[in-house]
Structure formats: C-alpha cells, structure tokens
Amino acid sequence: MSQAHSASWKISATAYYKVFFHAAKHPQSSVNGVLLGKEEPSGKINIVDAIPLLHHWTSLSPMMEIGLDLAGRHAESAGLNLVGYYQACERVDDTALAPVGERVAGKVKDGFKDAIAFVIDGEKIGSGEVALIPYVSQGTVWRPFSSGTSAFSPGSNFQLSSPDLPRRAISLVREQGRHKTFGDFDDHLEDVTIDWLRNTACIPSDI
C-alpha cells in the first residue's frame, strides 16, 4: 500500500559518503549514526551531513545516548537539525530496522517531525546502486517507505545530490581507502584524537 508523505529528501555527497564509509570500515558489524540537515520552505529536507555513532551495539546503551546527545549539540552549533538515523545490520541480507533503531529514530523524530531512517542494503552496497532503504514512521511504528515510485528513482521523494555518488563512493573505498581514516564515537572513545563529529579527513576536497 502506498504511503502519502509530502516531505522529500535530498542527500548530499558528504552525507552519503560518510554513511558508506561507516559500513565499509566495519563490514562484519552493525553500524549506526544520525543524519544532519535543514528543511527548506518548500518542504524539501536537505540531508547535508552524517555523524557515525557506534559499531558495537545491540541495545540503546548509555554510550549511544551520550553520542546522540553530543551529535545533537554539534548539529545545533552548525545551525542544523538531526533529521534522520541510519544503520547497517550485521548480516548482509538483513534490511530490517532494528528495534533499537526504531527507538533512536523515534528520539530524532521527537525533535524533527519528518525524521527519516535508512537501512543500508548490504547486497547493493558494492553494486553502484543506491544502497539505502528508507523507513518512515506511522505513529510509533517505522515501516519501509512505499509509493508508486522506487526510492531514488526519477520522481521519487528521495534523491541524491548527484546520481554518480554510489559509484564514486565505491571508488573512494577501493582505490583510495578513504574509509580507513573514518571514525565513529566508538573509535573516539578508544582514541580521543579521532574527530568523529566531522570526519573531514575522509571527504574528497572537490565536493
């Protein structure tokens, strides 16, 4: 059944690359993080950045709560909102939004009514296709977004800032190893020099 939803989302190169790098750095782990952006008067939500939280998680832990709070403060200082949540599951074929993911996404939604959640599609991540499955909330329940148009296809509520982002993300990982300099809050707790809130070192200078 299709879902009526007036909001639309556009994902920047920086946000897509960071989500991709997080999953690429920890391919055997569940990873998660939050998405930063702003809503335009037209209703379009520009997702401009991503902040990676954890790669060792199974529950809504105190560390996740702290990371979420710090990410929210960072977004506010940059004049942005937390507008979404993302996760990759441990199993490649698992594209369900985990219960803890629903809870974190719900916390984001408390502060931003049109919050979105994305689950990384492990079977597509190396294919050059957009490897994100959008979930939207229906009350307290989060379900895969469905409409007459596939997500990220022409005319969809979901778009990338450039259609070549998935292919370039693969190149940045395979040929340049950009994901190796990427760090999340877990990494920061082990090495405080890791700038998990910004991760500027892994982002190409030409975007």
N, C-alpha and C. Protein backbone atom coordinates (compact mmCIF):
# COMPACT_ATOMS: atom_id res chain seq x y z
N MET A 1 0.85 -1.18 0.00
CA MET A 1 0.00 0.00 0.00
C MET A 1 0.88 1.23 0.00
N SER A 2 0.55 2.22 -0.79
CA SER A 2 1.38 3.41 -0.85
C SER A 2 1.12 4.28 0.37
N GLN A 3 2.11 5.11 0.70
CA GLN A 3 2.02 5.97 1.86
C GLN A 3 2.06 7.41 1.40
N ALA A 4 1.09 8.20 1.81
CA ALA A 4 1.08 9.61 1.47
C ALA A 4 2.08 10.32 2.36
N HIS A 5 3.01 11.01 1.76
CA HIS A 5 4.01 11.72 2.53
C HIS A 5 4.46 12.90 1.72
N SER A 6 4.25 14.11 2.25
CA SER A 6 4.51 15.31 1.47
C SER A 6 5.98 15.70 1.45
N ALA A 7 6.74 15.27 2.46
CA ALA A 7 8.14 15.67 2.53
C ALA A 7 8.96 14.95 1.47
N SER A 8 10.06 15.59 1.08
CA SER A 8 11.01 14.93 0.18
C SER A 8 12.40 15.16 0.74
N TRP A 9 13.32 14.28 0.39
CA TRP A 9 14.66 14.30 0.97
C TRP A 9 15.70 14.29 -0.14
N LYS A 10 16.74 15.08 0.06
CA LYS A 10 17.88 15.11 -0.86
C LYS A 10 19.14 14.88 -0.04
N ILE A 11 19.95 13.91 -0.45
CA ILE A 11 21.14 13.53 0.31
C ILE A 11 22.39 14.06 -0.38
N SER A 12 23.20 14.80 0.36
CA SER A 12 24.42 15.38 -0.19
C SER A 12 25.51 14.32 -0.34
N ALA A 13 26.55 14.68 -1.08
CA ALA A 13 27.69 13.78 -1.25
C ALA A 13 28.34 13.49 0.10
N THR A 14 28.54 14.51 0.91
CA THR A 14 29.18 14.32 2.21
C THR A 14 28.41 13.31 3.06
N ALA A 15 27.10 13.46 3.13
CA ALA A 15 26.30 12.55 3.95
C ALA A 15 26.35 11.13 3.40
N TYR A 16 26.20 10.98 2.08
CA TYR A 16 26.20 9.63 1.50
C TYR A 16 27.55 8.95 1.71
N TYR A 17 28.63 9.69 1.45
CA TYR A 17 29.96 9.09 1.59
C TYR A 17 30.21 8.64 3.02
N LYS A 18 29.83 9.45 4.00
CA LYS A 18 30.09 9.09 5.39
C LYS A 18 29.32 7.83 5.79
N VAL A 19 28.07 7.74 5.38
CA VAL A 19 27.29 6.53 5.67
C VAL A 19 27.95 5.31 5.02
N PHE A 20 28.37 5.49 3.77
CA PHE A 20 29.01 4.40 3.02
C PHE A 20 30.33 4.00 3.69
N PHE A 21 31.15 4.99 4.06
CA PHE A 21 32.44 4.69 4.68
C PHE A 21 32.27 3.96 6.01
N HIS A 22 31.25 4.34 6.76
CA HIS A 22 31.00 3.69 8.05
C HIS A 22 30.72 2.20 7.86
N ALA A 23 29.86 1.90 6.90
CA ALA A 23 29.55 0.50 6.63
C ALA A 23 30.75 -0.24 6.06
N ALA A 24 31.53 0.44 5.21
CA ALA A 24 32.69 -0.20 4.58
C ALA A 24 33.80 -0.48 5.59
N LYS A 25 33.94 0.37 6.58
CA LYS A 25 35.01 0.18 7.57
C LYS A 25 34.71 -0.99 8.51
N HIS A 26 33.42 -1.25 8.74
CA HIS A 26 33.02 -2.31 9.68
C HIS A 26 32.04 -3.26 9.00
N PRO A 27 32.49 -3.98 7.98
CA PRO A 27 31.56 -4.81 7.19
C PRO A 27 30.97 -5.98 7.96
N GLN A 28 31.60 -6.39 9.05
CA GLN A 28 31.10 -7.53 9.82
C GLN A 28 30.30 -7.08 11.05
N SER A 29 30.06 -5.79 11.17
CA SER A 29 29.40 -5.26 12.37
C SER A 29 28.14 -4.49 12.01
N SER A 30 27.28 -4.34 13.00
CA SER A 30 26.17 -3.41 12.89
C SER A 30 26.72 -2.01 13.15
N VAL A 31 26.39 -1.07 12.28
CA VAL A 31 26.82 0.31 12.50
C VAL A 31 25.59 1.20 12.51
N ASN A 32 25.71 2.34 13.18
CA ASN A 32 24.60 3.29 13.14
C ASN A 32 25.09 4.71 13.33
N GLY A 33 24.22 5.65 12.99
CA GLY A 33 24.57 7.05 13.11
C GLY A 33 23.35 7.91 12.84
N VAL A 34 23.57 9.21 12.85
CA VAL A 34 22.47 10.16 12.63
C VAL A 34 22.79 11.06 11.45
N LEU A 35 21.73 11.63 10.90
CA LEU A 35 21.82 12.48 9.72
C LEU A 35 21.45 13.91 10.10
N LEU A 36 22.21 14.86 9.55
CA LEU A 36 22.01 16.27 9.85
C LEU A 36 21.49 16.99 8.61
N GLY A 37 20.62 17.97 8.82
CA GLY A 37 20.11 18.70 7.67
C GLY A 37 19.22 19.85 8.06
N LYS A 38 18.56 20.39 7.04
CA LYS A 38 17.64 21.50 7.23
C LYS A 38 16.45 21.33 6.29
N GLU A 39 15.32 21.84 6.72
CA GLU A 39 14.13 21.80 5.88
C GLU A 39 13.96 23.13 5.17
N GLU A 40 13.76 23.07 3.86
CA GLU A 40 13.51 24.27 3.08
C GLU A 40 12.04 24.66 3.18
N PRO A 41 11.71 25.92 2.87
CA PRO A 41 10.29 26.33 2.89
C PRO A 41 9.41 25.48 1.99
N SER A 42 9.99 24.91 0.94
CA SER A 42 9.23 24.08 0.01
C SER A 42 8.84 22.73 0.62
N GLY A 43 9.45 22.40 1.76
CA GLY A 43 9.20 21.09 2.37
C GLY A 43 10.30 20.09 2.08
N LYS A 44 11.21 20.43 1.17
CA LYS A 44 12.33 19.52 0.89
C LYS A 44 13.31 19.55 2.06
N ILE A 45 13.77 18.37 2.45
CA ILE A 45 14.73 18.26 3.55
C ILE A 45 16.09 17.91 2.95
N ASN A 46 17.04 18.81 3.12
CA ASN A 46 18.39 18.59 2.63
C ASN A 46 19.22 17.92 3.73
N ILE A 47 19.62 16.68 3.47
CA ILE A 47 20.50 15.96 4.40
C ILE A 47 21.93 16.28 3.98
N VAL A 48 22.62 17.06 4.80
CA VAL A 48 23.92 17.60 4.38
C VAL A 48 25.11 16.92 5.05
N ASP A 49 24.86 16.16 6.11
CA ASP A 49 25.99 15.56 6.82
C ASP A 49 25.50 14.34 7.59
N ALA A 50 26.45 13.52 8.02
CA ALA A 50 26.15 12.35 8.84
C ALA A 50 27.16 12.26 9.96
N ILE A 51 26.71 11.85 11.12
CA ILE A 51 27.60 11.63 12.27
C ILE A 51 27.48 10.17 12.68
N PRO A 52 28.59 9.42 12.61
CA PRO A 52 28.55 8.00 12.96
C PRO A 52 28.60 7.79 14.47
N LEU A 53 27.74 6.95 14.96
CA LEU A 53 27.72 6.68 16.40
C LEU A 53 28.57 5.46 16.75
N LEU A 54 28.03 4.27 16.51
CA LEU A 54 28.68 3.08 17.04
C LEU A 54 28.84 1.98 16.00
N HIS A 55 29.77 1.05 16.29
CA HIS A 55 29.83 -0.20 15.53
C HIS A 55 29.86 -1.40 16.46
N HIS A 56 29.65 -1.17 17.75
CA HIS A 56 29.49 -2.25 18.74
C HIS A 56 28.18 -1.97 19.47
N TRP A 57 27.07 -2.41 18.95
CA TRP A 57 25.82 -2.09 19.65
C TRP A 57 24.76 -3.16 19.39
N THR A 58 23.98 -3.41 20.40
CA THR A 58 22.82 -4.28 20.27
C THR A 58 21.62 -3.68 21.01
N SER A 59 21.89 -2.65 21.80
CA SER A 59 20.82 -2.05 22.58
C SER A 59 21.05 -0.55 22.70
N LEU A 60 20.05 0.15 23.20
CA LEU A 60 20.16 1.59 23.40
C LEU A 60 20.97 1.82 24.68
N SER A 61 22.29 1.81 24.53
CA SER A 61 23.20 1.86 25.67
C SER A 61 23.42 3.30 26.13
N PRO A 62 23.96 3.47 27.34
CA PRO A 62 24.33 4.83 27.78
C PRO A 62 25.28 5.51 26.80
N MET A 63 26.21 4.74 26.21
CA MET A 63 27.16 5.34 25.27
C MET A 63 26.43 5.87 24.03
N MET A 64 25.42 5.12 23.57
CA MET A 64 24.67 5.58 22.42
C MET A 64 23.89 6.85 22.77
N GLU A 65 23.34 6.89 23.96
CA GLU A 65 22.60 8.07 24.41
C GLU A 65 23.54 9.29 24.46
N ILE A 66 24.74 9.09 24.99
CA ILE A 66 25.71 10.19 25.07
C ILE A 66 26.11 10.65 23.68
N GLY A 67 26.40 9.68 22.80
CA GLY A 67 26.77 10.02 21.43
C GLY A 67 25.67 10.78 20.72
N LEU A 68 24.44 10.36 20.93
CA LEU A 68 23.29 11.02 20.31
C LEU A 68 23.16 12.45 20.82
N ASP A 69 23.38 12.64 22.11
CA ASP A 69 23.30 13.98 22.69
C ASP A 69 24.40 14.88 22.13
N LEU A 70 25.62 14.36 22.05
CA LEU A 70 26.74 15.15 21.51
C LEU A 70 26.51 15.49 20.04
N ALA A 71 25.97 14.53 19.28
CA ALA A 71 25.68 14.78 17.87
C ALA A 71 24.63 15.87 17.73
N GLY A 72 23.63 15.84 18.60
CA GLY A 72 22.59 16.86 18.57
C GLY A 72 23.13 18.25 18.86
N ARG A 73 24.05 18.32 19.83
CA ARG A 73 24.66 19.61 20.16
C ARG A 73 25.51 20.12 18.99
N HIS A 74 26.24 19.20 18.36
CA HIS A 74 27.07 19.59 17.22
C HIS A 74 26.19 20.12 16.08
N ALA A 75 25.09 19.42 15.82
CA ALA A 75 24.17 19.87 14.76
C ALA A 75 23.66 21.28 15.07
N GLU A 76 23.26 21.49 16.31
CA GLU A 76 22.72 22.79 16.70
C GLU A 76 23.76 23.89 16.53
N SER A 77 25.01 23.59 16.88
CA SER A 77 26.07 24.60 16.76
C SER A 77 26.35 24.95 15.30
N ALA A 78 26.01 24.01 14.40
CA ALA A 78 26.21 24.25 12.96
C ALA A 78 24.96 24.81 12.30
N GLY A 79 23.93 25.10 13.10
CA GLY A 79 22.69 25.62 12.54
C GLY A 79 21.87 24.57 11.82
N LEU A 80 22.05 23.30 12.21
CA LEU A 80 21.35 22.20 11.55
C LEU A 80 20.49 21.45 12.57
N ASN A 81 19.67 20.55 12.05
CA ASN A 81 18.85 19.68 12.89
C ASN A 81 19.29 18.23 12.71
N LEU A 82 19.06 17.41 13.72
CA LEU A 82 19.11 15.97 13.49
C LEU A 82 17.82 15.62 12.73
N VAL A 83 17.96 15.12 11.51
CA VAL A 83 16.78 14.88 10.68
C VAL A 83 16.58 13.40 10.35
N GLY A 84 17.53 12.55 10.75
CA GLY A 84 17.37 11.15 10.41
C GLY A 84 18.37 10.26 11.13
N TYR A 85 18.21 8.97 10.89
CA TYR A 85 19.01 7.92 11.51
C TYR A 85 19.38 6.93 10.43
N TYR A 86 20.55 6.30 10.57
CA TYR A 86 20.89 5.23 9.63
C TYR A 86 21.52 4.06 10.37
N GLN A 87 21.39 2.89 9.78
CA GLN A 87 22.03 1.71 10.36
C GLN A 87 22.36 0.71 9.25
N ALA A 88 23.38 -0.08 9.51
CA ALA A 88 23.66 -1.26 8.70
C ALA A 88 23.63 -2.45 9.65
N CYS A 89 23.08 -3.54 9.18
CA CYS A 89 22.95 -4.73 10.02
C CYS A 89 24.16 -5.64 9.85
N GLU A 90 24.35 -6.51 10.81
CA GLU A 90 25.50 -7.42 10.78
C GLU A 90 25.41 -8.37 9.60
N ARG A 91 24.21 -8.86 9.31
CA ARG A 91 24.01 -9.77 8.18
C ARG A 91 23.73 -8.97 6.92
N VAL A 92 24.37 -9.34 5.84
CA VAL A 92 24.23 -8.63 4.56
C VAL A 92 22.79 -8.61 4.08
N ASP A 93 22.06 -9.70 4.33
CA ASP A 93 20.70 -9.81 3.80
C ASP A 93 19.64 -9.26 4.76
N ASP A 94 20.07 -8.65 5.86
CA ASP A 94 19.13 -8.12 6.84
C ASP A 94 18.92 -6.63 6.57
N THR A 95 17.72 -6.27 6.16
CA THR A 95 17.42 -4.87 5.88
C THR A 95 16.29 -4.35 6.78
N ALA A 96 16.09 -5.01 7.91
CA ALA A 96 15.05 -4.56 8.85
C ALA A 96 15.61 -3.47 9.75
N LEU A 97 14.77 -2.52 10.08
CA LEU A 97 15.14 -1.50 11.06
C LEU A 97 15.03 -2.14 12.44
N ALA A 98 16.17 -2.31 13.10
CA ALA A 98 16.19 -3.00 14.39
C ALA A 98 15.38 -2.23 15.43
N PRO A 99 14.86 -2.93 16.45
CA PRO A 99 14.10 -2.24 17.50
C PRO A 99 14.85 -1.07 18.12
N VAL A 100 16.16 -1.24 18.35
CA VAL A 100 16.92 -0.12 18.90
C VAL A 100 16.98 1.01 17.88
N GLY A 101 17.02 0.67 16.60
CA GLY A 101 17.00 1.69 15.56
C GLY A 101 15.70 2.47 15.57
N GLU A 102 14.60 1.76 15.79
CA GLU A 102 13.30 2.43 15.88
C GLU A 102 13.29 3.41 17.05
N ARG A 103 13.91 3.01 18.14
CA ARG A 103 13.93 3.87 19.33
C ARG A 103 14.77 5.12 19.09
N VAL A 104 15.94 4.94 18.46
CA VAL A 104 16.79 6.11 18.18
C VAL A 104 16.11 7.01 17.16
N ALA A 105 15.54 6.40 16.11
CA ALA A 105 14.83 7.19 15.10
C ALA A 105 13.66 7.94 15.75
N GLY A 106 13.01 7.29 16.71
CA GLY A 106 11.92 7.94 17.42
C GLY A 106 12.39 9.15 18.21
N LYS A 107 13.59 9.03 18.81
CA LYS A 107 14.16 10.17 19.54
C LYS A 107 14.46 11.32 18.58
N VAL A 108 14.96 10.99 17.39
CA VAL A 108 15.21 12.03 16.39
C VAL A 108 13.89 12.68 15.97
N LYS A 109 12.87 11.85 15.80
CA LYS A 109 11.56 12.36 15.39
C LYS A 109 10.94 13.27 16.45
N ASP A 110 11.27 13.03 17.71
CA ASP A 110 10.76 13.91 18.77
C ASP A 110 11.20 15.36 18.54
N GLY A 111 12.36 15.52 17.91
CA GLY A 111 12.87 16.87 17.66
C GLY A 111 12.68 17.36 16.25
N PHE A 112 12.26 16.44 15.35
CA PHE A 112 12.08 16.81 13.94
C PHE A 112 10.99 15.90 13.36
N LYS A 113 9.82 16.48 13.12
CA LYS A 113 8.63 15.66 12.85
C LYS A 113 8.74 14.81 11.58
N ASP A 114 9.51 15.26 10.59
CA ASP A 114 9.64 14.50 9.35
C ASP A 114 10.93 13.68 9.31
N ALA A 115 11.38 13.24 10.47
CA ALA A 115 12.60 12.44 10.54
C ALA A 115 12.47 11.18 9.68
N ILE A 116 13.60 10.77 9.13
CA ILE A 116 13.65 9.60 8.25
C ILE A 116 14.67 8.62 8.81
N ALA A 117 14.51 7.36 8.50
CA ALA A 117 15.52 6.36 8.86
C ALA A 117 15.91 5.61 7.59
N PHE A 118 17.18 5.27 7.49
CA PHE A 118 17.66 4.49 6.36
C PHE A 118 18.37 3.24 6.87
N VAL A 119 18.07 2.13 6.24
CA VAL A 119 18.83 0.90 6.49
C VAL A 119 19.69 0.65 5.26
N ILE A 120 20.97 0.40 5.48
CA ILE A 120 21.89 0.14 4.38
C ILE A 120 21.64 -1.26 3.84
N ASP A 121 21.46 -1.34 2.53
CA ASP A 121 21.23 -2.61 1.86
C ASP A 121 22.58 -3.25 1.56
N GLY A 122 22.96 -4.23 2.37
CA GLY A 122 24.27 -4.86 2.23
C GLY A 122 24.49 -5.55 0.91
N GLU A 123 23.41 -5.97 0.27
CA GLU A 123 23.54 -6.67 -1.01
C GLU A 123 23.74 -5.71 -2.17
N LYS A 124 23.45 -4.42 -1.96
CA LYS A 124 23.61 -3.43 -3.02
C LYS A 124 24.81 -2.52 -2.82
N ILE A 125 25.41 -2.57 -1.64
CA ILE A 125 26.39 -1.55 -1.29
C ILE A 125 27.59 -1.52 -2.24
N GLY A 126 27.95 -2.65 -2.81
CA GLY A 126 29.08 -2.68 -3.73
C GLY A 126 28.69 -2.71 -5.19
N SER A 127 27.41 -2.45 -5.47
CA SER A 127 26.89 -2.63 -6.83
C SER A 127 26.87 -1.36 -7.67
N GLY A 128 27.06 -0.21 -7.03
CA GLY A 128 26.92 1.04 -7.75
C GLY A 128 25.50 1.59 -7.73
N GLU A 129 24.58 0.84 -7.11
CA GLU A 129 23.22 1.34 -6.91
C GLU A 129 23.14 2.05 -5.56
N VAL A 130 22.09 2.84 -5.37
CA VAL A 130 21.89 3.49 -4.07
C VAL A 130 21.57 2.41 -3.05
N ALA A 131 22.39 2.32 -2.01
CA ALA A 131 22.27 1.22 -1.06
C ALA A 131 21.53 1.63 0.21
N LEU A 132 20.47 2.42 0.05
CA LEU A 132 19.72 2.90 1.21
C LEU A 132 18.25 2.56 1.06
N ILE A 133 17.67 1.99 2.11
CA ILE A 133 16.24 1.68 2.15
C ILE A 133 15.60 2.63 3.15
N PRO A 134 14.71 3.52 2.69
CA PRO A 134 14.10 4.49 3.62
C PRO A 134 12.96 3.88 4.43
N TYR A 135 12.91 4.28 5.68
CA TYR A 135 11.82 3.93 6.58
C TYR A 135 11.18 5.22 7.08
N VAL A 136 9.85 5.23 7.14
CA VAL A 136 9.12 6.38 7.68
C VAL A 136 8.25 5.90 8.83
N SER A 137 7.92 6.82 9.72
CA SER A 137 7.13 6.45 10.88
C SER A 137 5.65 6.58 10.60
N GLN A 138 4.92 5.62 11.12
CA GLN A 138 3.46 5.67 11.14
C GLN A 138 3.07 5.55 12.60
N GLY A 139 2.92 6.70 13.24
CA GLY A 139 2.74 6.69 14.69
C GLY A 139 4.06 6.31 15.34
N THR A 140 4.04 5.24 16.12
CA THR A 140 5.26 4.77 16.77
C THR A 140 5.93 3.64 16.00
N VAL A 141 5.35 3.24 14.88
CA VAL A 141 5.88 2.13 14.09
C VAL A 141 6.60 2.68 12.86
N TRP A 142 7.76 2.11 12.56
CA TRP A 142 8.53 2.51 11.38
C TRP A 142 8.42 1.43 10.32
N ARG A 143 8.06 1.85 9.10
CA ARG A 143 7.88 0.90 8.00
C ARG A 143 8.66 1.37 6.78
N PRO A 144 9.06 0.43 5.91
CA PRO A 144 9.71 0.84 4.66
C PRO A 144 8.81 1.78 3.87
N PHE A 145 9.38 2.86 3.38
CA PHE A 145 8.61 3.80 2.57
C PHE A 145 8.18 3.12 1.28
N SER A 146 6.93 3.28 0.93
CA SER A 146 6.45 2.71 -0.33
C SER A 146 5.56 3.72 -1.03
N SER A 147 5.71 3.76 -2.33
CA SER A 147 4.87 4.62 -3.16
C SER A 147 4.89 4.02 -4.55
N GLY A 148 4.32 4.71 -5.49
CA GLY A 148 4.32 4.19 -6.85
C GLY A 148 5.67 4.28 -7.52
N THR A 149 6.61 4.99 -6.88
CA THR A 149 7.93 5.20 -7.46
C THR A 149 8.99 4.66 -6.51
N SER A 150 9.95 3.92 -7.02
CA SER A 150 11.02 3.38 -6.19
C SER A 150 11.87 4.52 -5.64
N ALA A 151 12.32 4.35 -4.40
CA ALA A 151 13.17 5.37 -3.78
C ALA A 151 14.41 5.61 -4.63
N PHE A 152 14.76 6.86 -4.81
CA PHE A 152 15.94 7.33 -5.53
C PHE A 152 15.83 7.18 -7.05
N SER A 153 14.66 6.82 -7.54
CA SER A 153 14.44 6.84 -8.98
C SER A 153 13.88 8.21 -9.36
N PRO A 154 13.90 8.57 -10.65
CA PRO A 154 13.36 9.88 -11.05
C PRO A 154 11.92 10.07 -10.57
N GLY A 155 11.65 11.21 -9.97
CA GLY A 155 10.31 11.49 -9.47
C GLY A 155 10.05 11.01 -8.07
N SER A 156 11.04 10.35 -7.46
CA SER A 156 10.87 9.83 -6.10
C SER A 156 10.98 10.94 -5.07
N ASN A 157 10.46 10.69 -3.86
CA ASN A 157 10.63 11.61 -2.74
C ASN A 157 12.07 11.64 -2.25
N PHE A 158 12.88 10.71 -2.71
CA PHE A 158 14.27 10.59 -2.26
C PHE A 158 15.20 10.77 -3.44
N GLN A 159 16.17 11.68 -3.29
CA GLN A 159 17.13 11.93 -4.36
C GLN A 159 18.52 12.10 -3.77
N LEU A 160 19.52 11.80 -4.58
CA LEU A 160 20.91 12.12 -4.25
C LEU A 160 21.27 13.45 -4.90
N SER A 161 22.25 14.14 -4.34
CA SER A 161 22.67 15.41 -4.95
C SER A 161 23.30 15.18 -6.31
N SER A 162 23.82 13.97 -6.55
CA SER A 162 24.37 13.59 -7.85
C SER A 162 24.16 12.10 -8.04
N PRO A 163 23.73 11.67 -9.21
CA PRO A 163 23.44 10.24 -9.40
C PRO A 163 24.68 9.35 -9.37
N ASP A 164 25.87 9.94 -9.48
CA ASP A 164 27.08 9.10 -9.51
C ASP A 164 27.67 8.85 -8.12
N LEU A 165 27.00 9.31 -7.05
CA LEU A 165 27.55 9.14 -5.71
C LEU A 165 27.81 7.67 -5.34
N PRO A 166 26.89 6.74 -5.62
CA PRO A 166 27.17 5.35 -5.24
C PRO A 166 28.41 4.79 -5.93
N ARG A 167 28.58 5.09 -7.22
CA ARG A 167 29.75 4.58 -7.93
C ARG A 167 31.04 5.23 -7.41
N ARG A 168 30.97 6.53 -7.15
CA ARG A 168 32.17 7.21 -6.67
C ARG A 168 32.53 6.75 -5.25
N ALA A 169 31.52 6.49 -4.44
CA ALA A 169 31.79 6.01 -3.08
C ALA A 169 32.58 4.70 -3.12
N ILE A 170 32.20 3.81 -4.03
CA ILE A 170 32.92 2.55 -4.18
C ILE A 170 34.37 2.81 -4.57
N SER A 171 34.57 3.73 -5.51
CA SER A 171 35.92 4.07 -5.95
C SER A 171 36.75 4.66 -4.82
N LEU A 172 36.14 5.52 -4.01
CA LEU A 172 36.86 6.15 -2.90
C LEU A 172 37.31 5.13 -1.86
N VAL A 173 36.54 4.05 -1.73
CA VAL A 173 36.91 2.98 -0.80
C VAL A 173 37.94 2.05 -1.42
N ARG A 174 37.65 1.55 -2.61
CA ARG A 174 38.50 0.53 -3.21
C ARG A 174 39.84 1.08 -3.70
N GLU A 175 39.83 2.28 -4.25
CA GLU A 175 41.04 2.82 -4.86
C GLU A 175 41.81 3.77 -3.95
N GLN A 176 41.11 4.44 -3.04
CA GLN A 176 41.78 5.43 -2.18
C GLN A 176 41.76 5.07 -0.70
N GLY A 177 40.97 4.08 -0.32
CA GLY A 177 40.92 3.67 1.08
C GLY A 177 40.44 4.77 2.02
N ARG A 178 39.53 5.61 1.52
CA ARG A 178 39.07 6.75 2.32
C ARG A 178 38.41 6.32 3.63
N HIS A 179 37.81 5.15 3.63
CA HIS A 179 37.11 4.69 4.83
C HIS A 179 38.06 4.41 6.00
N LYS A 180 39.34 4.23 5.69
CA LYS A 180 40.30 3.88 6.74
C LYS A 180 40.53 5.04 7.71
N THR A 181 40.32 6.27 7.25
CA THR A 181 40.51 7.43 8.13
C THR A 181 39.20 7.84 8.81
N PHE A 182 38.14 7.10 8.55
CA PHE A 182 36.83 7.42 9.09
C PHE A 182 36.71 6.87 10.51
N GLY A 183 36.11 7.64 11.41
CA GLY A 183 35.95 7.17 12.78
C GLY A 183 34.59 7.50 13.35
N ASP A 184 34.07 6.59 14.19
CA ASP A 184 32.78 6.84 14.84
C ASP A 184 33.00 7.10 16.33
N PHE A 185 31.92 7.23 17.08
CA PHE A 185 32.02 7.53 18.51
C PHE A 185 32.74 6.41 19.25
N ASP A 186 32.48 5.16 18.87
CA ASP A 186 33.22 4.03 19.45
C ASP A 186 34.73 4.23 19.28
N ASP A 187 35.14 4.58 18.06
CA ASP A 187 36.57 4.79 17.79
C ASP A 187 37.12 5.93 18.64
N HIS A 188 36.33 6.99 18.76
CA HIS A 188 36.76 8.16 19.54
C HIS A 188 36.97 7.80 21.01
N LEU A 189 36.15 6.91 21.54
CA LEU A 189 36.30 6.51 22.94
C LEU A 189 37.62 5.76 23.17
N GLU A 190 38.13 5.13 22.11
CA GLU A 190 39.40 4.42 22.20
C GLU A 190 40.59 5.32 21.85
N ASP A 191 40.34 6.34 21.03
CA ASP A 191 41.39 7.27 20.61
C ASP A 191 40.76 8.65 20.47
N VAL A 192 40.97 9.50 21.46
CA VAL A 192 40.26 10.79 21.51
C VAL A 192 40.70 11.75 20.42
N THR A 193 41.77 11.42 19.68
CA THR A 193 42.18 12.30 18.58
C THR A 193 41.29 12.13 17.35
N ILE A 194 40.46 11.09 17.33
CA ILE A 194 39.58 10.84 16.18
C ILE A 194 38.41 11.82 16.20
N ASP A 195 38.28 12.59 15.14
CA ASP A 195 37.24 13.63 15.06
C ASP A 195 35.96 13.03 14.47
N TRP A 196 35.25 12.28 15.30
CA TRP A 196 34.08 11.54 14.83
C TRP A 196 32.92 12.45 14.44
N LEU A 197 32.88 13.66 14.99
CA LEU A 197 31.78 14.57 14.68
C LEU A 197 31.90 15.17 13.28
N ARG A 198 33.13 15.30 12.78
CA ARG A 198 33.35 15.96 11.49
C ARG A 198 33.89 15.03 10.41
N ASN A 199 34.86 14.20 10.75
CA ASN A 199 35.45 13.26 9.78
C ASN A 199 35.85 13.95 8.47
N THR A 200 36.42 15.13 8.59
CA THR A 200 36.76 15.87 7.37
C THR A 200 37.87 15.21 6.57
N ALA A 201 38.73 14.44 7.23
CA ALA A 201 39.89 13.86 6.54
C ALA A 201 39.51 12.87 5.45
N CYS A 202 38.34 12.26 5.57
CA CYS A 202 37.97 11.22 4.60
C CYS A 202 37.19 11.77 3.41
N ILE A 203 36.79 13.03 3.47
CA ILE A 203 35.93 13.59 2.42
C ILE A 203 36.78 14.23 1.32
N PRO A 204 36.54 13.89 0.06
CA PRO A 204 37.31 14.48 -1.04
C PRO A 204 37.19 16.01 -1.05
N SER A 205 38.23 16.66 -1.48
CA SER A 205 38.26 18.13 -1.44
C SER A 205 37.42 18.77 -2.54
N ASP A 206 36.97 17.96 -3.50
CA ASP A 206 36.27 18.55 -4.65
C ASP A 206 34.75 18.52 -4.51
N ILE A 207 34.25 18.30 -3.29
CA ILE A 207 32.79 18.33 -3.12
C ILE A 207 32.39 19.49 -2.21
